[in-house]
Protein backbone atom coordinates (compact mmCIF):
# COMPACT_ATOMS: atom_id res chain seq x y z
CA MET A 1 -106.44 -272.06 17.98
CA LYS A 2 -108.57 -274.54 16.48
CA ARG A 3 -111.73 -273.21 14.76
CA LYS A 4 -115.27 -274.60 15.76
CA CYS A 5 -116.02 -276.95 13.05
CA LEU A 6 -118.25 -280.21 12.44
CA ALA A 7 -115.92 -281.34 9.62
CA VAL A 8 -112.24 -281.49 10.19
CA GLY A 9 -110.87 -283.46 7.01
CA ILE A 10 -107.33 -284.78 7.41
CA ILE A 11 -106.57 -285.42 3.73
CA LEU A 12 -103.34 -287.54 3.14
CA LEU A 13 -102.28 -286.01 -0.17
CA PHE A 14 -101.06 -288.99 -1.54
CA LEU A 15 -104.58 -290.94 -0.98
CA GLY A 16 -107.31 -291.42 -3.41
CA THR A 17 -111.03 -290.56 -2.55
CA SER A 18 -112.05 -290.29 0.68
CA ILE A 19 -115.68 -289.27 2.67
CA ILE A 20 -115.85 -287.99 5.81
CA PRO A 21 -118.98 -287.28 7.68
CA ILE A 22 -118.90 -284.20 9.35
CA VAL A 23 -123.11 -284.33 12.91
CA GLY A 24 -151.10 -272.98 30.22
CA SER A 25 -153.37 -270.96 28.02
CA VAL A 26 -156.75 -269.09 28.57
CA SER A 27 -159.16 -269.24 25.83
CA ILE A 28 -160.10 -265.72 24.90
CA GLU A 29 -163.48 -265.47 22.63
CA LYS A 30 -163.36 -261.62 22.18
CA GLU A 31 -160.82 -261.64 19.29
CA GLN A 32 -161.02 -259.03 16.53
CA SER A 33 -159.51 -259.27 13.19
CA VAL A 34 -157.29 -256.18 12.98
CA MET A 35 -154.23 -254.99 10.78
CA PRO A 36 -151.27 -255.50 13.46
CA LYS A 37 -148.57 -252.54 13.79
CA SER A 38 -145.18 -253.47 12.65
CA CYS A 39 -143.76 -251.95 15.86
CA PHE A 40 -143.94 -253.50 19.11
CA ASP A 41 -143.34 -251.05 22.10
CA GLY A 42 -142.78 -251.72 25.44
CA ILE A 43 -141.53 -255.26 24.97
CA ILE A 44 -137.60 -256.61 26.31
CA LEU A 45 -136.00 -259.63 24.03
CA ASN A 46 -133.04 -261.20 26.31
CA GLY A 47 -130.98 -263.47 24.12
CA THR A 48 -127.80 -264.12 22.35
CA MET A 49 -128.00 -262.36 18.63
CA GLY A 50 -126.22 -264.12 15.92
CA GLU A 51 -126.19 -262.82 12.21
CA ASN A 52 -128.57 -261.36 10.06
CA GLY A 53 -131.27 -260.74 12.93
CA TRP A 54 -131.15 -264.30 14.37
CA TYR A 55 -131.02 -265.54 17.97
CA ILE A 56 -128.53 -268.13 18.59
CA SER A 57 -130.33 -269.08 22.05
CA ASP A 58 -133.34 -269.24 24.03
CA VAL A 59 -134.90 -265.85 24.01
CA THR A 60 -136.68 -264.25 27.22
CA VAL A 61 -139.91 -262.27 26.47
CA THR A 62 -140.79 -259.40 29.07
CA PHE A 63 -143.51 -256.67 28.73
CA VAL A 64 -142.96 -253.53 30.68
CA GLY A 65 -145.02 -250.47 30.99
CA GLY A 66 -148.12 -252.39 32.23
CA ASN A 67 -149.13 -252.03 28.13
CA TYR A 68 -150.32 -255.88 27.51
CA THR A 69 -152.62 -257.85 29.42
CA TYR A 70 -152.72 -260.81 27.05
CA PHE A 71 -150.29 -262.29 24.26
CA ARG A 72 -150.22 -265.49 22.18
CA ILE A 73 -147.55 -267.12 20.34
CA ASP A 74 -147.58 -268.43 16.59
CA GLY A 75 -151.55 -268.18 16.37
CA GLY A 76 -152.09 -270.21 19.36
CA ASN A 77 -154.50 -269.29 22.58
CA TRP A 78 -154.52 -266.14 24.07
CA ILE A 79 -152.51 -266.18 27.44
CA VAL A 80 -152.99 -264.10 30.51
CA TYR A 81 -149.29 -262.34 30.89
CA THR A 82 -148.22 -262.99 34.56
CA GLY A 83 -144.34 -262.39 33.83
CA PRO A 84 -141.58 -263.04 31.38
CA PHE A 85 -141.68 -266.18 29.36
CA VAL A 86 -139.15 -268.18 27.28
CA ILE A 87 -139.03 -269.16 23.75
CA SER A 88 -136.58 -271.98 22.95
CA THR A 89 -138.00 -273.53 19.93
CA ASP A 90 -135.94 -273.15 16.61
CA GLY A 91 -137.70 -271.32 13.87
CA ILE A 92 -139.36 -268.12 13.13
CA HIS A 93 -141.79 -267.16 15.77
CA LEU A 94 -144.79 -264.54 15.87
CA ILE A 95 -145.24 -263.07 18.98
CA GLU A 96 -148.67 -260.79 19.56
CA ALA A 97 -149.96 -258.87 22.36
CA THR A 98 -152.88 -256.74 23.46
CA TYR A 99 -154.84 -255.16 26.35
CA ASP A 100 -158.35 -254.71 24.41
CA PHE A 101 -158.35 -257.17 21.86
CA GLU A 102 -158.81 -253.87 19.49
CA HIS A 103 -155.06 -253.01 19.35
CA ILE A 104 -152.96 -256.09 18.62
CA TYR A 105 -149.22 -255.27 18.45
CA ASN A 106 -146.71 -257.92 16.88
CA ILE A 107 -143.28 -258.96 16.64
CA THR A 108 -141.20 -261.60 14.75
CA ILE A 109 -138.70 -263.41 16.51
CA LYS A 110 -136.12 -265.74 14.99
CA ILE A 111 -134.05 -268.48 16.71
CA ASP A 112 -131.97 -270.76 15.20
CA ARG A 113 -129.68 -272.57 18.08
CA THR A 114 -128.68 -275.66 16.03
CA PRO A 115 -125.47 -275.98 14.17
CA PRO A 116 -125.59 -276.99 10.49
CA ILE A 117 -124.04 -280.66 9.43
CA CYS A 118 -122.07 -281.40 6.69
CA ASN A 119 -119.97 -284.50 4.75
CA LEU A 120 -117.03 -284.02 2.89
CA ILE A 121 -115.84 -285.61 -0.21
CA ALA A 122 -112.42 -284.92 -1.37
CA LYS A 123 -111.21 -286.55 -4.81
CA ARG A 124 -107.67 -286.16 -6.85
CA VAL A 125 -108.63 -284.44 -10.06
CA GLY A 126 -105.08 -284.09 -11.63
CA PHE A 127 -101.57 -283.78 -10.75
CA PHE A 128 -101.11 -282.07 -7.57
CA LYS A 129 -104.65 -281.08 -7.64
CA TRP A 130 -107.65 -281.67 -5.63
CA GLN A 131 -111.49 -281.16 -5.50
CA PHE A 132 -113.23 -280.87 -2.36
CA PHE A 133 -116.91 -281.03 -2.24
CA VAL A 134 -119.35 -280.47 0.83
CA ASN A 135 -122.60 -281.49 1.25
CA ALA A 136 -124.13 -278.91 3.69
CA SER A 137 -127.49 -278.13 5.10
CA ASP A 138 -129.41 -276.42 8.08
CA GLU A 139 -133.04 -276.65 8.52
CA THR A 140 -133.66 -273.37 10.19
CA SER A 141 -131.77 -270.73 8.84
CA GLY A 142 -130.23 -272.36 5.98
CA ILE A 143 -126.27 -272.52 4.83
CA ASN A 144 -124.72 -269.01 4.61
CA ARG A 145 -121.22 -270.21 3.35
CA VAL A 146 -118.69 -273.02 3.81
CA GLU A 147 -115.02 -272.29 4.26
CA PHE A 148 -112.23 -274.50 3.44
CA TYR A 149 -108.59 -274.52 5.10
CA ILE A 150 -105.39 -276.12 4.70
CA ASP A 151 -102.72 -275.69 7.48
CA CYS A 152 -105.17 -273.05 8.94
CA ARG A 153 -105.05 -271.05 5.97
CA LEU A 154 -108.31 -269.82 4.03
CA ILE A 155 -107.94 -271.47 0.44
CA GLY A 156 -111.56 -270.76 -0.46
CA VAL A 157 -115.03 -269.90 0.41
CA ASP A 158 -118.33 -270.99 -1.54
CA THR A 159 -121.79 -269.52 -0.86
CA ARG A 160 -123.75 -271.59 -3.46
CA LEU A 161 -124.48 -275.36 -3.99
CA PRO A 162 -122.75 -277.30 -4.74
CA TYR A 163 -120.29 -276.07 -2.25
CA GLU A 164 -116.98 -277.01 -3.68
CA ILE A 165 -113.19 -276.01 -4.82
CA ILE A 166 -110.50 -277.17 -6.70
CA TRP A 167 -107.14 -276.76 -4.71
CA SER A 168 -103.84 -276.82 -6.70
CA TYR A 169 -100.51 -277.01 -5.01
CA ASN A 170 -96.83 -277.84 -5.54
CA PHE A 171 -94.21 -280.57 -4.67
CA MET A 172 -93.03 -278.41 -1.68
CA THR A 173 -96.25 -277.96 -0.44
CA TRP A 174 -97.32 -281.50 -0.49
CA LEU A 175 -93.87 -282.26 0.98
CA ARG A 176 -94.63 -280.00 3.86
CA LEU A 177 -97.76 -281.31 4.87
CA PHE A 178 -96.75 -284.91 4.57
CA ILE A 179 -94.14 -284.22 7.02
CA LEU A 180 -96.45 -282.17 9.41
CA ILE A 181 -99.20 -284.73 9.13
CA ASN A 182 -97.58 -287.92 8.92
CA LEU A 183 -94.06 -287.39 10.45
CA MET A 184 -94.80 -284.86 13.44
CA GLY A 185 -98.68 -285.59 13.86
CA GLN A 186 -99.59 -282.38 13.31
CA TRP A 187 -103.07 -283.35 11.81
CA TRP A 188 -104.65 -279.57 12.01
CA CYS A 189 -102.41 -278.82 9.20
CA GLY A 190 -104.54 -280.84 6.91
CA LEU A 191 -108.07 -280.02 5.36
CA GLU A 192 -110.57 -278.20 7.99
CA VAL A 193 -114.22 -277.26 6.29
CA ILE A 194 -116.30 -275.18 8.43
CA ALA A 195 -120.12 -274.80 7.25
CA ILE A 196 -121.67 -271.51 8.48
CA ASP A 197 -125.50 -270.85 8.91
CA ASN A 198 -127.29 -267.53 8.35
CA ALA A 199 -127.44 -267.16 12.05
CA GLY A 200 -123.76 -267.41 12.35
CA ASN A 201 -123.85 -270.98 14.09
CA THR A 202 -120.69 -273.11 13.00
CA PRO A 203 -120.42 -276.75 14.16
CA ILE A 204 -118.51 -277.75 17.31
CA ASN A 205 -115.10 -279.95 16.74
CA PRO A 206 -116.19 -283.49 17.44
CA SER A 207 -114.58 -285.06 20.14
């Protein structure tokens, strides 16, 4: 029932400002400068696809059909292909393959396995009114959006810096949350913030 998130802010609505911290190659000399083709036939990519063309796991690359003898990653040394290989580093990777160094094919693989991080600041800005500000960052694919929840209900989404919303409520809402959180111990009814990167990663609840 609980959403994956890095920041779970339990804001007691009668408090003031709070800050919650949210967590073997073979050298080939016979290389020619040719215009690579945008397509890359005869290759299988095996990994978990996230959003916007990003993989959120290691990616296993397999050449099929015997079309390619050599390959290289990110402009490195040419390597003799002997079987499937794994790319596990976050980032955008260029895979090039060839059988004669006159016809070079390429494909781009985007990997982001790391959840975003964020810090939450909650501040009272009026009577029955709070401002929630989130400093979120993601080094690889970037932040796509930040979602704000109160009592497990979505109260706002922000897709641009600064990530913030202003939440207004009434006395009955305050009373209900006060009872649920402070008297009944249902802390998950407080404020929950979820930062989501462009690959679809969401932070894991801290233990």
